[in-house]
């Protein structure tokens, strides 16, 4: 699976996050690869993922609570906002 460093839109970021987490859940991606890919995407596209100290609406809608829970644990993001989804 090819993961780019930079993405143009929030929807592209959401799509690749979904693919990465889904591959992990299907045991096609190791724990280390999951963490590496998610951290790289977050570090290089943070403005498309987080706004006002919360996930953007598009990221929430496209990724869903379970995937974002995994991402939050990897990037050490406060997940209390996710409980209201």
PDB file of N, CA and C in Angstrom:
ATOM      1  N   UNK A   1       0.837  -1.182   0.000  1.00  0.00           N
ATOM      2  CA  UNK A   1       0.000   0.000   0.000  1.00  0.00           C
ATOM      3  C   UNK A   1       0.881   1.244   0.000  1.00  0.00           C
ATOM      4  N   UNK A   2       0.620   2.137  -0.907  1.00  0.00           N
ATOM      5  CA  UNK A   2       1.404   3.358  -1.064  1.00  0.00           C
ATOM      6  C   UNK A   2       0.783   4.485  -0.242  1.00  0.00           C
ATOM      7  N   UNK A   3       1.594   5.083   0.624  1.00  0.00           N
ATOM      8  CA  UNK A   3       1.138   6.200   1.445  1.00  0.00           C
ATOM      9  C   UNK A   3       1.995   7.409   1.111  1.00  0.00           C
ATOM     10  N   UNK A   4       1.338   8.490   0.682  1.00  0.00           N
ATOM     11  CA  UNK A   4       2.057   9.717   0.360  1.00  0.00           C
ATOM     12  C   UNK A   4       2.315  10.508   1.640  1.00  0.00           C
ATOM     13  N   UNK A   5       3.219  11.453   1.542  1.00  0.00           N
ATOM     14  CA  UNK A   5       3.560  12.273   2.698  1.00  0.00           C
ATOM     15  C   UNK A   5       2.586  13.442   2.855  1.00  0.00           C
ATOM     16  N   UNK A   6       2.154  14.024   1.753  1.00  0.00           N
ATOM     17  CA  UNK A   6       1.287  15.195   1.791  1.00  0.00           C
ATOM     18  C   UNK A   6       0.015  14.931   0.988  1.00  0.00           C
ATOM     19  N   UNK A   7      -1.104  15.452   1.491  1.00  0.00           N
ATOM     20  CA  UNK A   7      -2.392  15.295   0.817  1.00  0.00           C
ATOM     21  C   UNK A   7      -3.014  16.660   0.594  1.00  0.00           C
ATOM     22  N   UNK A   8      -3.834  16.754  -0.443  1.00  0.00           N
ATOM     23  CA  UNK A   8      -4.393  18.021  -0.855  1.00  0.00           C
ATOM     24  C   UNK A   8      -5.651  18.384  -0.078  1.00  0.00           C
ATOM     25  N   UNK A   9      -6.508  17.406   0.207  1.00  0.00           N
ATOM     26  CA  UNK A   9      -7.790  17.697   0.847  1.00  0.00           C
ATOM     27  C   UNK A   9      -7.995  16.842   2.096  1.00  0.00           C
ATOM     28  N   UNK A  10      -8.951  17.256   2.901  1.00  0.00           N
ATOM     29  CA  UNK A  10      -9.312  16.493   4.090  1.00  0.00           C
ATOM     30  C   UNK A  10      -9.888  15.132   3.705  1.00  0.00           C
ATOM     31  N   UNK A  11     -10.616  15.075   2.619  1.00  0.00           N
ATOM     32  CA  UNK A  11     -11.193  13.794   2.177  1.00  0.00           C
ATOM     33  C   UNK A  11     -10.102  12.797   1.782  1.00  0.00           C
ATOM     34  N   UNK A  12      -9.048  13.277   1.133  1.00  0.00           N
ATOM     35  CA  UNK A  12      -7.928  12.390   0.790  1.00  0.00           C
ATOM     36  C   UNK A  12      -7.259  11.856   2.053  1.00  0.00           C
ATOM     37  N   UNK A  13      -7.083  12.722   3.054  1.00  0.00           N
ATOM     38  CA  UNK A  13      -6.488  12.300   4.315  1.00  0.00           C
ATOM     39  C   UNK A  13      -7.382  11.256   4.988  1.00  0.00           C
ATOM     40  N   UNK A  14      -8.683  11.510   5.010  1.00  0.00           N
ATOM     41  CA  UNK A  14      -9.620  10.571   5.625  1.00  0.00           C
ATOM     42  C   UNK A  14      -9.587   9.220   4.914  1.00  0.00           C
ATOM     43  N   UNK A  15      -9.530   9.239   3.605  1.00  0.00           N
ATOM     44  CA  UNK A  15      -9.497   7.998   2.830  1.00  0.00           C
ATOM     45  C   UNK A  15      -8.257   7.173   3.152  1.00  0.00           C
ATOM     46  N   UNK A  16      -7.116   7.828   3.221  1.00  0.00           N
ATOM     47  CA  UNK A  16      -5.881   7.078   3.495  1.00  0.00           C
ATOM     48  C   UNK A  16      -5.848   6.599   4.949  1.00  0.00           C
ATOM     49  N   UNK A  17      -6.384   7.366   5.880  1.00  0.00           N
ATOM     50  CA  UNK A  17      -6.472   6.902   7.273  1.00  0.00           C
ATOM     51  C   UNK A  17      -7.349   5.653   7.334  1.00  0.00           C
ATOM     52  N   UNK A  18      -8.483   5.682   6.634  1.00  0.00           N
ATOM     53  CA  UNK A  18      -9.366   4.517   6.596  1.00  0.00           C
ATOM     54  C   UNK A  18      -8.645   3.296   6.039  1.00  0.00           C
ATOM     55  N   UNK A  19      -7.926   3.485   4.939  1.00  0.00           N
ATOM     56  CA  UNK A  19      -7.209   2.371   4.316  1.00  0.00           C
ATOM     57  C   UNK A  19      -6.154   1.799   5.258  1.00  0.00           C
ATOM     58  N   UNK A  20      -5.401   2.673   5.912  1.00  0.00           N
ATOM     59  CA  UNK A  20      -4.333   2.218   6.808  1.00  0.00           C
ATOM     60  C   UNK A  20      -4.910   1.415   7.973  1.00  0.00           C
ATOM     61  N   UNK A  21      -5.908   1.962   8.633  1.00  0.00           N
ATOM     62  CA  UNK A  21      -6.487   1.275   9.798  1.00  0.00           C
ATOM     63  C   UNK A  21      -7.167  -0.022   9.367  1.00  0.00           C
ATOM     64  N   UNK A  22      -7.865   0.006   8.243  1.00  0.00           N
ATOM     65  CA  UNK A  22      -8.524  -1.213   7.757  1.00  0.00           C
ATOM     66  C   UNK A  22      -7.502  -2.303   7.417  1.00  0.00           C
ATOM     67  N   UNK A  23      -6.403  -1.918   6.780  1.00  0.00           N
ATOM     68  CA  UNK A  23      -5.343  -2.888   6.485  1.00  0.00           C
ATOM     69  C   UNK A  23      -4.799  -3.486   7.779  1.00  0.00           C
ATOM     70  N   UNK A  24      -4.634  -2.642   8.787  1.00  0.00           N
ATOM     71  CA  UNK A  24      -4.150  -3.116  10.076  1.00  0.00           C
ATOM     72  C   UNK A  24      -5.130  -4.124  10.674  1.00  0.00           C
ATOM     73  N   UNK A  25      -6.417  -3.803  10.643  1.00  0.00           N
ATOM     74  CA  UNK A  25      -7.437  -4.695  11.195  1.00  0.00           C
ATOM     75  C   UNK A  25      -7.509  -6.015  10.439  1.00  0.00           C
ATOM     76  N   UNK A  26      -7.130  -6.020   9.162  1.00  0.00           N
ATOM     77  CA  UNK A  26      -7.110  -7.240   8.361  1.00  0.00           C
ATOM     78  C   UNK A  26      -5.770  -7.976   8.483  1.00  0.00           C
ATOM     79  N   UNK A  27      -4.920  -7.525   9.378  1.00  0.00           N
ATOM     80  CA  UNK A  27      -3.592  -8.112   9.609  1.00  0.00           C
ATOM     81  C   UNK A  27      -2.678  -8.041   8.388  1.00  0.00           C
ATOM     82  N   UNK A  28      -2.870  -7.026   7.566  1.00  0.00           N
ATOM     83  CA  UNK A  28      -2.000  -6.821   6.411  1.00  0.00           C
ATOM     84  C   UNK A  28      -0.942  -5.755   6.700  1.00  0.00           C
ATOM     85  N   UNK A  29      -0.979  -5.196   7.915  1.00  0.00           N
ATOM     86  CA  UNK A  29      -0.061  -4.143   8.303  1.00  0.00           C
ATOM     87  C   UNK A  29       0.363  -4.398   9.747  1.00  0.00           C
ATOM     88  N   UNK A  30       1.659  -4.290  10.015  1.00  0.00           N
ATOM     89  CA  UNK A  30       2.153  -4.532  11.375  1.00  0.00           C
ATOM     90  C   UNK A  30       1.862  -3.321  12.266  1.00  0.00           C
ATOM     91  N   UNK A  31       1.999  -3.519  13.580  1.00  0.00           N
ATOM     92  CA  UNK A  31       1.803  -2.420  14.535  1.00  0.00           C
ATOM     93  C   UNK A  31       2.757  -1.272  14.235  1.00  0.00           C
ATOM     94  N   UNK A  32       3.997  -1.615  13.950  1.00  0.00           N
ATOM     95  CA  UNK A  32       5.010  -0.602  13.688  1.00  0.00           C
ATOM     96  C   UNK A  32       4.692   0.203  12.426  1.00  0.00           C
ATOM     97  N   UNK A  33       4.270  -0.497  11.374  1.00  0.00           N
ATOM     98  CA  UNK A  33       3.923   0.190  10.123  1.00  0.00           C
ATOM     99  C   UNK A  33       2.713   1.090  10.313  1.00  0.00           C
ATOM    100  N   UNK A  34       1.738   0.616  11.083  1.00  0.00           N
ATOM    101  CA  UNK A  34       0.549   1.428  11.373  1.00  0.00           C
ATOM    102  C   UNK A  34       0.968   2.717  12.067  1.00  0.00           C
ATOM    103  N   UNK A  35       1.746   2.601  13.121  1.00  0.00           N
ATOM    104  CA  UNK A  35       2.183   3.784  13.868  1.00  0.00           C
ATOM    105  C   UNK A  35       3.006   4.730  13.007  1.00  0.00           C
ATOM    106  N   UNK A  36       3.915   4.173  12.232  1.00  0.00           N
ATOM    107  CA  UNK A  36       4.771   4.992  11.367  1.00  0.00           C
ATOM    108  C   UNK A  36       3.943   5.775  10.341  1.00  0.00           C
ATOM    109  N   UNK A  37       3.007   5.092   9.676  1.00  0.00           N
ATOM    110  CA  UNK A  37       2.189   5.739   8.650  1.00  0.00           C
ATOM    111  C   UNK A  37       1.278   6.809   9.248  1.00  0.00           C
ATOM    112  N   UNK A  38       0.621   6.498  10.359  1.00  0.00           N
ATOM    113  CA  UNK A  38      -0.300   7.462  10.968  1.00  0.00           C
ATOM    114  C   UNK A  38       0.454   8.689  11.471  1.00  0.00           C
ATOM    115  N   UNK A  39       1.604   8.492  12.105  1.00  0.00           N
ATOM    116  CA  UNK A  39       2.388   9.623  12.597  1.00  0.00           C
ATOM    117  C   UNK A  39       2.878  10.495  11.447  1.00  0.00           C
ATOM    118  N   UNK A  40       3.325   9.870  10.351  1.00  0.00           N
ATOM    119  CA  UNK A  40       3.804  10.638   9.207  1.00  0.00           C
ATOM    120  C   UNK A  40       2.667  11.481   8.609  1.00  0.00           C
ATOM    121  N   UNK A  41       1.509  10.870   8.442  1.00  0.00           N
ATOM    122  CA  UNK A  41       0.369  11.600   7.879  1.00  0.00           C
ATOM    123  C   UNK A  41      -0.035  12.741   8.810  1.00  0.00           C
ATOM    124  N   UNK A  42      -0.090  12.464  10.103  1.00  0.00           N
ATOM    125  CA  UNK A  42      -0.477  13.489  11.071  1.00  0.00           C
ATOM    126  C   UNK A  42       0.517  14.649  11.084  1.00  0.00           C
ATOM    127  N   UNK A  43       1.791  14.352  11.130  1.00  0.00           N
ATOM    128  CA  UNK A  43       2.808  15.403  11.192  1.00  0.00           C
ATOM    129  C   UNK A  43       2.806  16.292   9.957  1.00  0.00           C
ATOM    130  N   UNK A  44       2.549  15.713   8.795  1.00  0.00           N
ATOM    131  CA  UNK A  44       2.611  16.482   7.553  1.00  0.00           C
ATOM    132  C   UNK A  44       1.278  17.062   7.101  1.00  0.00           C
ATOM    133  N   UNK A  45       0.181  16.660   7.724  1.00  0.00           N
ATOM    134  CA  UNK A  45      -1.141  17.127   7.305  1.00  0.00           C
ATOM    135  C   UNK A  45      -2.000  17.531   8.503  1.00  0.00           C
ATOM    136  N   UNK A  46      -1.363  17.966   9.563  1.00  0.00           N
ATOM    137  CA  UNK A  46      -2.074  18.268  10.800  1.00  0.00           C
ATOM    138  C   UNK A  46      -3.183  19.300  10.600  1.00  0.00           C
ATOM    139  N   UNK A  47      -2.952  20.282   9.730  1.00  0.00           N
ATOM    140  CA  UNK A  47      -3.953  21.319   9.487  1.00  0.00           C
ATOM    141  C   UNK A  47      -5.219  20.770   8.828  1.00  0.00           C
ATOM    142  N   UNK A  48      -5.132  19.611   8.205  1.00  0.00           N
ATOM    143  CA  UNK A  48      -6.300  18.994   7.572  1.00  0.00           C
ATOM    144  C   UNK A  48      -6.989  17.988   8.488  1.00  0.00           C
ATOM    145  N   UNK A  49      -6.364  17.682   9.625  1.00  0.00           N
ATOM    146  CA  UNK A  49      -6.894  16.671  10.540  1.00  0.00           C
ATOM    147  C   UNK A  49      -7.498  17.309  11.789  1.00  0.00           C
ATOM    148  N   UNK A  50      -6.824  18.317  12.337  1.00  0.00           N
ATOM    149  CA  UNK A  50      -7.234  18.941  13.594  1.00  0.00           C
ATOM    150  C   UNK A  50      -7.520  20.422  13.360  1.00  0.00           C
ATOM    151  N   UNK A  51      -8.667  20.883  13.891  1.00  0.00           N
ATOM    152  CA  UNK A  51      -8.991  22.311  13.912  1.00  0.00           C
ATOM    153  C   UNK A  51      -9.691  22.597  15.225  1.00  0.00           C
ATOM    154  N   UNK A  52      -9.323  23.689  15.870  1.00  0.00           N
ATOM    155  CA  UNK A  52      -9.905  24.079  17.156  1.00  0.00           C
ATOM    156  C   UNK A  52      -9.805  22.954  18.185  1.00  0.00           C
ATOM    157  N   UNK A  53      -8.666  22.303  18.235  1.00  0.00           N
ATOM    158  CA  UNK A  53      -8.372  21.230  19.193  1.00  0.00           C
ATOM    159  C   UNK A  53      -9.351  20.055  19.103  1.00  0.00           C
ATOM    160  N   UNK A  54      -9.836  19.758  17.910  1.00  0.00           N
ATOM    161  CA  UNK A  54     -10.725  18.623  17.676  1.00  0.00           C
ATOM    162  C   UNK A  54     -10.505  18.157  16.237  1.00  0.00           C
ATOM    163  N   UNK A  55     -10.919  16.929  15.959  1.00  0.00           N
ATOM    164  CA  UNK A  55     -10.869  16.460  14.579  1.00  0.00           C
ATOM    165  C   UNK A  55     -11.832  17.289  13.741  1.00  0.00           C
ATOM    166  N   UNK A  56     -11.471  17.523  12.484  1.00  0.00           N
ATOM    167  CA  UNK A  56     -12.372  18.270  11.604  1.00  0.00           C
ATOM    168  C   UNK A  56     -13.627  17.453  11.349  1.00  0.00           C
ATOM    169  N   UNK A  57     -14.684  18.128  10.974  1.00  0.00           N
ATOM    170  CA  UNK A  57     -15.965  17.468  10.731  1.00  0.00           C
ATOM    171  C   UNK A  57     -15.848  16.414   9.638  1.00  0.00           C
ATOM    172  N   UNK A  58     -15.141  16.728   8.570  1.00  0.00           N
ATOM    173  CA  UNK A  58     -14.992  15.774   7.469  1.00  0.00           C
ATOM    174  C   UNK A  58     -14.242  14.534   7.933  1.00  0.00           C
ATOM    175  N   UNK A  59     -13.172  14.714   8.707  1.00  0.00           N
ATOM    176  CA  UNK A  59     -12.413  13.568   9.228  1.00  0.00           C
ATOM    177  C   UNK A  59     -13.319  12.716  10.113  1.00  0.00           C
ATOM    178  N   UNK A  60     -14.092  13.342  10.998  1.00  0.00           N
ATOM    179  CA  UNK A  60     -15.001  12.592  11.880  1.00  0.00           C
ATOM    180  C   UNK A  60     -16.015  11.788  11.074  1.00  0.00           C
ATOM    181  N   UNK A  61     -16.630  12.444  10.087  1.00  0.00           N
ATOM    182  CA  UNK A  61     -17.674  11.785   9.298  1.00  0.00           C
ATOM    183  C   UNK A  61     -17.117  10.662   8.441  1.00  0.00           C
ATOM    184  N   UNK A  62     -15.966  10.877   7.825  1.00  0.00           N
ATOM    185  CA  UNK A  62     -15.410   9.900   6.900  1.00  0.00           C
ATOM    186  C   UNK A  62     -14.742   8.718   7.610  1.00  0.00           C
ATOM    187  N   UNK A  63     -14.089   8.988   8.751  1.00  0.00           N
ATOM    188  CA  UNK A  63     -13.319   7.938   9.427  1.00  0.00           C
ATOM    189  C   UNK A  63     -14.126   7.175  10.474  1.00  0.00           C
ATOM    190  N   UNK A  64     -14.959   7.856  11.203  1.00  0.00           N
ATOM    191  CA  UNK A  64     -15.752   7.185  12.228  1.00  0.00           C
ATOM    192  C   UNK A  64     -15.019   7.063  13.555  1.00  0.00           C
ATOM    193  N   UNK A  65     -15.792   6.764  14.575  1.00  0.00           N
ATOM    194  CA  UNK A  65     -15.290   6.747  15.951  1.00  0.00           C
ATOM    195  C   UNK A  65     -14.207   5.694  16.188  1.00  0.00           C
ATOM    196  N   UNK A  66     -14.392   4.487  15.690  1.00  0.00           N
ATOM    197  CA  UNK A  66     -13.436   3.413  15.965  1.00  0.00           C
ATOM    198  C   UNK A  66     -12.070   3.670  15.342  1.00  0.00           C
ATOM    199  N   UNK A  67     -12.051   4.131  14.104  1.00  0.00           N
ATOM    200  CA  UNK A  67     -10.764   4.422  13.454  1.00  0.00           C
ATOM    201  C   UNK A  67     -10.072   5.590  14.140  1.00  0.00           C
ATOM    202  N   UNK A  68     -10.842   6.629  14.494  1.00  0.00           N
ATOM    203  CA  UNK A  68     -10.236   7.787  15.138  1.00  0.00           C
ATOM    204  C   UNK A  68      -9.746   7.456  16.545  1.00  0.00           C
ATOM    205  N   UNK A  69     -10.350   6.482  17.188  1.00  0.00           N
ATOM    206  CA  UNK A  69      -9.858   6.044  18.500  1.00  0.00           C
ATOM    207  C   UNK A  69      -8.452   5.455  18.354  1.00  0.00           C
ATOM    208  N   UNK A  70      -8.238   4.672  17.293  1.00  0.00           N
ATOM    209  CA  UNK A  70      -6.917   4.103  17.027  1.00  0.00           C
ATOM    210  C   UNK A  70      -5.919   5.227  16.721  1.00  0.00           C
ATOM    211  N   UNK A  71      -6.298   6.157  15.861  1.00  0.00           N
ATOM    212  CA  UNK A  71      -5.425   7.266  15.494  1.00  0.00           C
ATOM    213  C   UNK A  71      -5.083   8.098  16.733  1.00  0.00           C
ATOM    214  N   UNK A  72      -6.075   8.359  17.571  1.00  0.00           N
ATOM    215  CA  UNK A  72      -5.858   9.168  18.774  1.00  0.00           C
ATOM    216  C   UNK A  72      -4.838   8.538  19.704  1.00  0.00           C
ATOM    217  N   UNK A  73      -4.893   7.236  19.839  1.00  0.00           N
ATOM    218  CA  UNK A  73      -3.923   6.548  20.708  1.00  0.00           C
ATOM    219  C   UNK A  73      -2.516   6.653  20.145  1.00  0.00           C
ATOM    220  N   UNK A  74      -2.392   6.628  18.840  1.00  0.00           N
ATOM    221  CA  UNK A  74      -1.074   6.697  18.210  1.00  0.00           C
ATOM    222  C   UNK A  74      -0.486   8.101  18.331  1.00  0.00           C
ATOM    223  N   UNK A  75      -1.304   9.124  18.113  1.00  0.00           N
ATOM    224  CA  UNK A  75      -0.785  10.501  18.134  1.00  0.00           C
ATOM    225  C   UNK A  75      -0.945  11.160  19.496  1.00  0.00           C
ATOM    226  N   UNK A  76      -1.460  10.403  20.489  1.00  0.00           N
ATOM    227  CA  UNK A  76      -1.674  10.919  21.849  1.00  0.00           C
ATOM    228  C   UNK A  76      -2.583  12.138  21.863  1.00  0.00           C
ATOM    229  N   UNK A  77      -3.669  12.065  21.089  1.00  0.00           N
ATOM    230  CA  UNK A  77      -4.645  13.149  21.023  1.00  0.00           C
ATOM    231  C   UNK A  77      -5.736  12.889  22.036  1.00  0.00           C
ATOM    232  N   UNK A  78      -6.209  13.924  22.707  1.00  0.00           N
ATOM    233  CA  UNK A  78      -7.259  13.796  23.720  1.00  0.00           C
ATOM    234  C   UNK A  78      -8.551  13.334  23.056  1.00  0.00           C
ATOM    235  N   UNK A  79      -9.068  12.184  23.484  1.00  0.00           N
ATOM    236  CA  UNK A  79     -10.215  11.588  22.816  1.00  0.00           C
ATOM    237  C   UNK A  79     -11.547  11.884  23.493  1.00  0.00           C
ATOM    238  N   UNK A  80     -11.580  12.766  24.478  1.00  0.00           N
ATOM    239  CA  UNK A  80     -12.859  12.994  25.159  1.00  0.00           C
ATOM    240  C   UNK A  80     -13.890  13.600  24.219  1.00  0.00           C
ATOM    241  N   UNK A  81     -13.461  14.347  23.216  1.00  0.00           N
ATOM    242  CA  UNK A  81     -14.377  14.931  22.237  1.00  0.00           C
ATOM    243  C   UNK A  81     -15.026  13.832  21.389  1.00  0.00           C
ATOM    244  N   UNK A  82     -14.351  12.706  21.209  1.00  0.00           N
ATOM    245  CA  UNK A  82     -14.883  11.634  20.371  1.00  0.00           C
ATOM    246  C   UNK A  82     -16.082  10.953  20.998  1.00  0.00           C
ATOM    247  N   UNK A  83     -16.214  11.041  22.295  1.00  0.00           N
ATOM    248  CA  UNK A  83     -17.321  10.387  22.982  1.00  0.00           C
ATOM    249  C   UNK A  83     -18.664  10.997  22.587  1.00  0.00           C
ATOM    250  N   UNK A  84     -18.658  12.188  22.033  1.00  0.00           N
ATOM    251  CA  UNK A  84     -19.904  12.857  21.665  1.00  0.00           C
ATOM    252  C   UNK A  84     -20.319  12.577  20.227  1.00  0.00           C
ATOM    253  N   UNK A  85     -19.560  11.775  19.497  1.00  0.00           N
ATOM    254  CA  UNK A  85     -19.915  11.470  18.094  1.00  0.00           C
ATOM    255  C   UNK A  85     -21.197  10.687  17.983  1.00  0.00           C
TER     256      UNK A  85
END
